[in-house]
Amino acid sequence: MSRPDTGVVHYDLPSPYIPHACGLLHLPRFIAKAKKAVKGELGKSYQRNYKKGFDRFLCLHLGIDPDEVETIVRESADDTEIDRRLAAILPQDLKVAKWNREVVQKGLSPMGREALDAAKKKMGIEDRDDLMTFADMIEFDEERIP
């Protein structure tokens, strides 16, 4: 089966299912997208959801501004400094289990299912019942799910 063209695909971005050292899923992906964005290397298809979608939901969960994360990435010399500066703005209780459950379930609610079905239709993959969440859609788009 041919894959739908969703634009530039950044195969080097971490899976949303990969946790950060602090335990939060998607955080490594958001940081990696921020690194590309500050260099002007984030593909157009990714810019549409950058600091929106999961990025924004994560920041809302943490009570931080997505622009703050981008600023930290832009101004930091390396990953150690990024992590140190992020730790300084993150809440003490990250509510890791709550957030991680939300990530792996995005798209399972009735409203989420409608949005997911619409996204599948737009991509021409309505028959893919195995893609049950938005994280699965990312995995499919970046060819970690065939």
C-alpha atoms as a PDB file:
ATOM      1  CA  MET A   1       0.000   0.000   0.000  1.00  0.00           C
ATOM      2  CA  SER A   2       1.324   3.442  -0.820  1.00  0.00           C
ATOM      3  CA  ARG A   3       1.587   5.973   1.971  1.00  0.00           C
ATOM      4  CA  PRO A   4      -0.180   9.320   1.821  1.00  0.00           C
ATOM      5  CA  ASP A   5       2.079  12.317   1.266  1.00  0.00           C
ATOM      6  CA  THR A   6       1.960  14.463   4.390  1.00  0.00           C
ATOM      7  CA  GLY A   7       4.908  16.620   3.390  1.00  0.00           C
ATOM      8  CA  VAL A   8       8.421  16.498   4.785  1.00  0.00           C
ATOM      9  CA  VAL A   9       8.792  13.689   7.306  1.00  0.00           C
ATOM     10  CA  HIS A  10      11.328  14.107  10.090  1.00  0.00           C
ATOM     11  CA  TYR A  11      12.276  10.496  10.752  1.00  0.00           C
ATOM     12  CA  ASP A  12      14.770  11.651  13.381  1.00  0.00           C
ATOM     13  CA  LEU A  13      12.121  12.983  15.758  1.00  0.00           C
ATOM     14  CA  PRO A  14      11.513  10.805  18.806  1.00  0.00           C
ATOM     15  CA  SER A  15       8.286   8.859  19.042  1.00  0.00           C
ATOM     16  CA  PRO A  16       5.616  10.457  21.244  1.00  0.00           C
ATOM     17  CA  TYR A  17       5.747   7.166  23.155  1.00  0.00           C
ATOM     18  CA  ILE A  18       9.368   7.822  24.241  1.00  0.00           C
ATOM     19  CA  PRO A  19       9.585   9.295  27.751  1.00  0.00           C
ATOM     20  CA  HIS A  20      11.909  12.056  28.900  1.00  0.00           C
ATOM     21  CA  ALA A  21      14.231  11.270  31.826  1.00  0.00           C
ATOM     22  CA  CYS A  22      11.562  12.865  34.075  1.00  0.00           C
ATOM     23  CA  GLY A  23       9.070  10.268  32.796  1.00  0.00           C
ATOM     24  CA  LEU A  24       6.846  12.455  30.617  1.00  0.00           C
ATOM     25  CA  LEU A  25       5.914  11.042  27.237  1.00  0.00           C
ATOM     26  CA  HIS A  26       6.183  13.383  24.244  1.00  0.00           C
ATOM     27  CA  LEU A  27       8.543  15.842  25.983  1.00  0.00           C
ATOM     28  CA  PRO A  28      11.622  14.586  24.064  1.00  0.00           C
ATOM     29  CA  ARG A  29       9.671  15.022  20.824  1.00  0.00           C
ATOM     30  CA  PHE A  30       8.620  18.577  21.708  1.00  0.00           C
ATOM     31  CA  ILE A  31      12.218  19.482  22.577  1.00  0.00           C
ATOM     32  CA  ALA A  32      13.464  17.950  19.304  1.00  0.00           C
ATOM     33  CA  LYS A  33      10.869  19.905  17.310  1.00  0.00           C
ATOM     34  CA  ALA A  34      11.883  23.097  19.135  1.00  0.00           C
ATOM     35  CA  LYS A  35      15.528  22.453  18.187  1.00  0.00           C
ATOM     36  CA  LYS A  36      14.526  22.199  14.531  1.00  0.00           C
ATOM     37  CA  ALA A  37      12.222  25.234  14.759  1.00  0.00           C
ATOM     38  CA  VAL A  38      14.856  27.562  16.213  1.00  0.00           C
ATOM     39  CA  LYS A  39      17.224  26.556  13.384  1.00  0.00           C
ATOM     40  CA  GLY A  40      14.500  27.106  10.765  1.00  0.00           C
ATOM     41  CA  GLU A  41      14.563  23.393   9.910  1.00  0.00           C
ATOM     42  CA  LEU A  42      11.093  22.304  11.036  1.00  0.00           C
ATOM     43  CA  GLY A  43       9.148  21.021   8.040  1.00  0.00           C
ATOM     44  CA  LYS A  44       5.988  22.855   7.005  1.00  0.00           C
ATOM     45  CA  SER A  45       3.763  19.882   7.831  1.00  0.00           C
ATOM     46  CA  TYR A  46       5.145  19.930  11.408  1.00  0.00           C
ATOM     47  CA  GLN A  47       4.850  23.704  11.812  1.00  0.00           C
ATOM     48  CA  ARG A  48       1.066  23.384  11.643  1.00  0.00           C
ATOM     49  CA  ASN A  49       0.997  21.578  15.019  1.00  0.00           C
ATOM     50  CA  TYR A  50       4.189  22.935  16.565  1.00  0.00           C
ATOM     51  CA  LYS A  51       3.385  24.391  19.999  1.00  0.00           C
ATOM     52  CA  LYS A  52      -0.177  23.225  19.354  1.00  0.00           C
ATOM     53  CA  GLY A  53      -1.591  19.704  19.552  1.00  0.00           C
ATOM     54  CA  PHE A  54       0.380  17.487  21.943  1.00  0.00           C
ATOM     55  CA  ASP A  55       2.975  20.237  22.513  1.00  0.00           C
ATOM     56  CA  ARG A  56       0.317  22.619  23.793  1.00  0.00           C
ATOM     57  CA  PHE A  57      -1.560  19.928  25.737  1.00  0.00           C
ATOM     58  CA  LEU A  58       1.696  19.015  27.486  1.00  0.00           C
ATOM     59  CA  CYS A  59       2.387  22.638  28.360  1.00  0.00           C
ATOM     60  CA  LEU A  60      -1.177  23.117  29.624  1.00  0.00           C
ATOM     61  CA  HIS A  61      -0.752  20.004  31.778  1.00  0.00           C
ATOM     62  CA  LEU A  62       2.485  21.433  33.192  1.00  0.00           C
ATOM     63  CA  GLY A  63       1.225  25.016  33.521  1.00  0.00           C
ATOM     64  CA  ILE A  64       3.989  26.440  31.311  1.00  0.00           C
ATOM     65  CA  ASP A  65       4.025  28.408  28.070  1.00  0.00           C
ATOM     66  CA  PRO A  66       5.204  26.570  24.916  1.00  0.00           C
ATOM     67  CA  ASP A  67       7.145  29.710  23.953  1.00  0.00           C
ATOM     68  CA  GLU A  68       9.137  29.354  27.184  1.00  0.00           C
ATOM     69  CA  VAL A  69      10.250  25.893  26.109  1.00  0.00           C
ATOM     70  CA  GLU A  70      11.318  27.223  22.718  1.00  0.00           C
ATOM     71  CA  THR A  71      13.259  30.064  24.381  1.00  0.00           C
ATOM     72  CA  ILE A  72      15.046  27.603  26.660  1.00  0.00           C
ATOM     73  CA  VAL A  73      15.996  25.461  23.662  1.00  0.00           C
ATOM     74  CA  ARG A  74      17.173  28.509  21.682  1.00  0.00           C
ATOM     75  CA  GLU A  75      19.303  29.890  24.525  1.00  0.00           C
ATOM     76  CA  SER A  76      20.793  26.636  25.852  1.00  0.00           C
ATOM     77  CA  ALA A  77      24.213  25.349  24.842  1.00  0.00           C
ATOM     78  CA  ASP A  78      23.343  21.645  25.106  1.00  0.00           C
ATOM     79  CA  ASP A  79      20.816  19.053  26.286  1.00  0.00           C
ATOM     80  CA  THR A  80      22.087  19.207  29.863  1.00  0.00           C
ATOM     81  CA  GLU A  81      21.378  22.923  30.030  1.00  0.00           C
ATOM     82  CA  ILE A  82      17.965  22.432  28.376  1.00  0.00           C
ATOM     83  CA  ASP A  83      17.033  19.830  30.994  1.00  0.00           C
ATOM     84  CA  ARG A  84      18.361  21.981  33.859  1.00  0.00           C
ATOM     85  CA  ARG A  85      16.439  25.054  32.705  1.00  0.00           C
ATOM     86  CA  LEU A  86      13.268  23.065  32.022  1.00  0.00           C
ATOM     87  CA  ALA A  87      13.440  21.540  35.508  1.00  0.00           C
ATOM     88  CA  ALA A  88      13.489  25.076  36.912  1.00  0.00           C
ATOM     89  CA  ILE A  89      10.130  25.974  35.296  1.00  0.00           C
ATOM     90  CA  LEU A  90       8.359  22.642  35.659  1.00  0.00           C
ATOM     91  CA  PRO A  91       6.009  22.060  38.588  1.00  0.00           C
ATOM     92  CA  GLN A  92       7.270  19.894  41.417  1.00  0.00           C
ATOM     93  CA  ASP A  93       4.545  17.320  40.790  1.00  0.00           C
ATOM     94  CA  LEU A  94       4.621  16.504  37.076  1.00  0.00           C
ATOM     95  CA  LYS A  95       1.608  14.174  37.356  1.00  0.00           C
ATOM     96  CA  VAL A  96       3.441  11.836  35.002  1.00  0.00           C
ATOM     97  CA  ALA A  97       0.916   8.981  35.080  1.00  0.00           C
ATOM     98  CA  LYS A  98      -1.984  11.338  34.352  1.00  0.00           C
ATOM     99  CA  TRP A  99      -0.188  12.944  31.399  1.00  0.00           C
ATOM    100  CA  ASN A 100       1.130   9.687  29.967  1.00  0.00           C
ATOM    101  CA  ARG A 101      -2.329   8.128  30.116  1.00  0.00           C
ATOM    102  CA  GLU A 102      -3.692  11.155  28.261  1.00  0.00           C
ATOM    103  CA  VAL A 103      -1.050  10.821  25.505  1.00  0.00           C
ATOM    104  CA  VAL A 104      -1.735   7.163  24.865  1.00  0.00           C
ATOM    105  CA  GLN A 105      -5.510   7.700  24.903  1.00  0.00           C
ATOM    106  CA  LYS A 106      -5.805  10.841  22.713  1.00  0.00           C
ATOM    107  CA  GLY A 107      -8.324   9.906  20.069  1.00  0.00           C
ATOM    108  CA  LEU A 108     -10.268   7.310  22.045  1.00  0.00           C
ATOM    109  CA  SER A 109     -13.058   9.561  23.342  1.00  0.00           C
ATOM    110  CA  PRO A 110     -16.136  10.028  21.124  1.00  0.00           C
ATOM    111  CA  MET A 111     -14.992  13.539  20.117  1.00  0.00           C
ATOM    112  CA  GLY A 112     -11.409  12.346  19.674  1.00  0.00           C
ATOM    113  CA  ARG A 113     -12.593   9.414  17.567  1.00  0.00           C
ATOM    114  CA  GLU A 114     -14.387  11.830  15.213  1.00  0.00           C
ATOM    115  CA  ALA A 115     -11.240  13.935  14.824  1.00  0.00           C
ATOM    116  CA  LEU A 116      -9.095  10.850  14.327  1.00  0.00           C
ATOM    117  CA  ASP A 117     -11.480   9.458  11.710  1.00  0.00           C
ATOM    118  CA  ALA A 118     -11.427  12.817   9.901  1.00  0.00           C
ATOM    119  CA  ALA A 119      -7.619  12.809   9.913  1.00  0.00           C
ATOM    120  CA  LYS A 120      -7.549   9.250   8.553  1.00  0.00           C
ATOM    121  CA  LYS A 121     -10.009  10.186   5.823  1.00  0.00           C
ATOM    122  CA  LYS A 122      -7.912  13.211   4.849  1.00  0.00           C
ATOM    123  CA  MET A 123      -4.875  10.918   4.592  1.00  0.00           C
ATOM    124  CA  GLY A 124      -6.825   8.287   2.648  1.00  0.00           C
ATOM    125  CA  ILE A 125      -6.312   5.603   5.289  1.00  0.00           C
ATOM    126  CA  GLU A 126      -9.845   5.219   6.688  1.00  0.00           C
ATOM    127  CA  ASP A 127      -9.417   1.439   6.688  1.00  0.00           C
ATOM    128  CA  ARG A 128      -6.562   1.532   9.246  1.00  0.00           C
ATOM    129  CA  ASP A 129      -8.435   0.347  12.342  1.00  0.00           C
ATOM    130  CA  ASP A 130      -5.085  -0.431  13.981  1.00  0.00           C
ATOM    131  CA  LEU A 131      -4.335   3.309  14.223  1.00  0.00           C
ATOM    132  CA  MET A 132      -6.390   4.043  17.321  1.00  0.00           C
ATOM    133  CA  THR A 133      -4.833   7.221  18.740  1.00  0.00           C
ATOM    134  CA  PHE A 134      -3.161  10.389  17.526  1.00  0.00           C
ATOM    135  CA  ALA A 135       0.176   9.065  18.760  1.00  0.00           C
ATOM    136  CA  ASP A 136      -0.410   6.033  16.504  1.00  0.00           C
ATOM    137  CA  MET A 137      -1.008   8.419  13.592  1.00  0.00           C
ATOM    138  CA  ILE A 138       2.348  10.080  14.262  1.00  0.00           C
ATOM    139  CA  GLU A 139       3.981   6.655  14.405  1.00  0.00           C
ATOM    140  CA  PHE A 140       2.364   5.735  11.072  1.00  0.00           C
ATOM    141  CA  ASP A 141       3.333   9.017   9.406  1.00  0.00           C
ATOM    142  CA  GLU A 142       6.955   8.610  10.486  1.00  0.00           C
ATOM    143  CA  GLU A 143       6.925   4.942   9.411  1.00  0.00           C
ATOM    144  CA  ARG A 144       7.444   3.361  12.837  1.00  0.00           C
ATOM    145  CA  ILE A 145       4.109   1.601  12.174  1.00  0.00           C
ATOM    146  CA  PRO A 146       3.996   0.142   8.659  1.00  0.00           C
END
